Amino acid sequence: MTLATFFRADRNADRTIGPEHYLAGFEDQDGEPWGLIVPLEPDDVEAVVLGDIAFSVSMQLDGTLLIEAEGRGDAANEAILASGSLARAPLDEVVRTALDPDLMAMEDETVGELRTLRSRLTAALRLVDQALDDAKE
């Protein structure tokens, strides 16, 4: 019998909260664990795995923001994409979430920060308008 190593998040984890444990061990060809399964604390695992990864945010032309891992192989970005809606978000949804009254109540400088947001969005709209004008030519 051939056993393969495995390392994964606890399959019973709530995806929005994250795993309570990661599991490592050996499994057979059918994916059945064999022998000792080692539970690992998320803080320990994530500090090692994510510790030296830089993440960036990019935007598609339709305003969808994407999270990407920098300086890693395709596997890291494929894992991010596999997380579905957690890996991408439309710009208007990000703004809507930021403007949640409960979140804004926790900010000390709400009015100043909203003015900065408005200024940045206005500048972004000017850039989009310029790109549209350039595309028409």
Protein backbone atom coordinates (compact mmCIF):
# COMPACT_ATOMS: atom_id res chain seq x y z
CA MET A 1 0.00 0.00 0.00
CA THR A 2 1.23 3.48 -0.85
CA LEU A 3 0.56 6.31 1.57
CA ALA A 4 0.77 9.98 0.69
CA THR A 5 1.31 12.88 3.04
CA PHE A 6 -1.46 15.40 3.49
CA PHE A 7 -1.71 18.82 4.97
CA ARG A 8 -5.03 20.66 4.96
CA ALA A 9 -7.42 22.78 6.91
CA ASP A 10 -9.96 20.94 9.01
CA ARG A 11 -12.75 20.11 6.54
CA ASN A 12 -15.42 21.09 9.07
CA ALA A 13 -14.20 24.70 9.21
CA ASP A 14 -16.48 27.63 8.49
CA ARG A 15 -14.91 29.30 5.43
CA THR A 16 -15.79 32.80 6.64
CA ILE A 17 -14.06 32.29 10.00
CA GLY A 18 -11.27 29.94 9.05
CA PRO A 19 -10.15 26.60 10.43
CA GLU A 20 -9.81 25.87 14.12
CA HIS A 21 -7.01 23.45 13.20
CA TYR A 22 -4.90 22.31 10.30
CA LEU A 23 -4.30 18.58 9.99
CA ALA A 24 -1.20 16.75 8.81
CA GLY A 25 -0.61 13.05 8.36
CA PHE A 26 -0.73 10.19 5.89
CA GLU A 27 -3.60 8.96 3.74
CA ASP A 28 -4.22 6.07 1.38
CA GLN A 29 -5.17 6.31 -2.29
CA ASP A 30 -8.84 6.80 -1.35
CA GLY A 31 -8.01 9.77 0.87
CA GLU A 32 -8.56 7.85 4.12
CA PRO A 33 -6.16 8.93 6.88
CA TRP A 34 -3.77 6.32 8.31
CA GLY A 35 -1.99 6.43 11.61
CA LEU A 36 -1.46 9.54 13.63
CA ILE A 37 -3.11 12.76 12.48
CA VAL A 38 -1.41 15.85 13.86
CA PRO A 39 -3.61 18.88 14.59
CA LEU A 40 -1.78 22.20 14.20
CA GLU A 41 -2.86 25.59 15.50
CA PRO A 42 -3.85 28.09 12.77
CA ASP A 43 -1.68 30.87 14.24
CA ASP A 44 1.42 28.66 14.00
CA VAL A 45 0.69 27.40 10.48
CA GLU A 46 -0.45 30.70 9.01
CA ALA A 47 2.52 32.61 10.43
CA VAL A 48 4.89 30.23 8.62
CA VAL A 49 2.91 29.88 5.40
CA LEU A 50 1.87 33.51 4.97
CA GLY A 51 4.74 35.19 6.79
CA ASP A 52 6.83 36.12 3.77
CA ILE A 53 4.15 36.39 1.11
CA ALA A 54 3.31 39.82 -0.20
CA PHE A 55 -0.24 40.31 -1.38
CA SER A 56 -1.38 42.88 -3.88
CA VAL A 57 -4.72 44.10 -5.14
CA SER A 58 -5.29 44.63 -8.83
CA MET A 59 -8.40 45.73 -10.68
CA GLN A 60 -9.95 44.45 -13.86
CA LEU A 61 -11.34 47.02 -16.28
CA ASP A 62 -14.89 46.31 -15.05
CA GLY A 63 -13.99 47.45 -11.52
CA THR A 64 -13.52 44.00 -9.98
CA LEU A 65 -10.74 43.99 -7.38
CA LEU A 66 -8.55 40.87 -7.26
CA ILE A 67 -6.20 39.66 -4.53
CA GLU A 68 -2.92 38.17 -5.77
CA ALA A 69 0.09 36.63 -4.06
CA GLU A 70 3.34 38.20 -5.20
CA GLY A 71 6.54 36.25 -5.71
CA ARG A 72 4.92 32.83 -5.46
CA GLY A 73 4.14 30.08 -7.91
CA ASP A 74 0.81 29.57 -9.59
CA ALA A 75 -0.41 27.35 -6.74
CA ALA A 76 -0.81 30.30 -4.34
CA ASN A 77 -2.88 32.31 -6.80
CA GLU A 78 -4.89 29.25 -7.82
CA ALA A 79 -5.74 28.69 -4.14
CA ILE A 80 -6.82 32.32 -3.84
CA LEU A 81 -9.03 32.01 -6.93
CA ALA A 82 -10.49 28.74 -5.62
CA SER A 83 -11.78 30.61 -2.58
CA GLY A 84 -14.37 32.11 -4.93
CA SER A 85 -15.96 35.37 -3.93
CA LEU A 86 -13.34 35.95 -1.22
CA ALA A 87 -10.69 36.46 -3.92
CA ARG A 88 -12.54 39.12 -5.89
CA ALA A 89 -14.96 41.90 -5.15
CA PRO A 90 -16.63 44.60 -7.25
CA LEU A 91 -15.43 48.08 -6.32
CA ASP A 92 -18.95 49.30 -5.47
CA GLU A 93 -19.42 46.41 -3.01
CA VAL A 94 -16.13 47.26 -1.28
CA VAL A 95 -17.27 50.89 -0.95
CA ARG A 96 -20.72 49.80 0.28
CA THR A 97 -19.12 47.62 2.94
CA ALA A 98 -16.79 50.44 4.04
CA LEU A 99 -19.79 52.79 4.39
CA ASP A 100 -21.62 50.45 6.75
CA PRO A 101 -22.84 52.67 9.62
CA ASP A 102 -21.52 50.26 12.26
CA LEU A 103 -18.03 50.33 10.72
CA MET A 104 -18.08 54.10 10.28
CA ALA A 105 -19.07 54.55 13.93
CA MET A 106 -15.77 52.94 14.95
CA GLU A 107 -13.70 55.53 13.04
CA ASP A 108 -12.45 58.67 14.76
CA GLU A 109 -12.12 60.86 11.66
CA THR A 110 -15.17 59.73 9.64
CA VAL A 111 -15.86 63.03 7.87
CA GLY A 112 -12.22 63.57 6.90
CA GLU A 113 -11.84 60.01 5.69
CA LEU A 114 -15.08 60.24 3.66
CA ARG A 115 -13.79 63.42 2.02
CA THR A 116 -10.55 61.65 1.14
CA LEU A 117 -12.52 58.71 -0.29
CA ARG A 118 -14.66 61.06 -2.36
CA SER A 119 -11.57 62.86 -3.67
CA ARG A 120 -9.95 59.56 -4.66
CA LEU A 121 -13.11 58.29 -6.36
CA THR A 122 -13.47 61.58 -8.25
CA ALA A 123 -9.86 61.35 -9.45
CA ALA A 124 -10.45 57.73 -10.48
CA LEU A 125 -13.55 58.74 -12.46
CA ARG A 126 -11.52 61.40 -14.30
CA LEU A 127 -8.99 58.70 -15.24
CA VAL A 128 -11.77 56.43 -16.51
CA ASP A 129 -13.31 59.27 -18.52
CA GLN A 130 -9.90 60.02 -20.08
CA ALA A 131 -9.44 56.33 -20.96
CA LEU A 132 -12.91 56.28 -22.57
CA ASP A 133 -12.07 59.38 -24.59
CA ASP A 134 -8.76 57.83 -25.69
CA ALA A 135 -10.53 54.60 -26.68
CA LYS A 136 -12.95 56.51 -28.94
CA GLU A 137 -10.08 58.07 -30.94
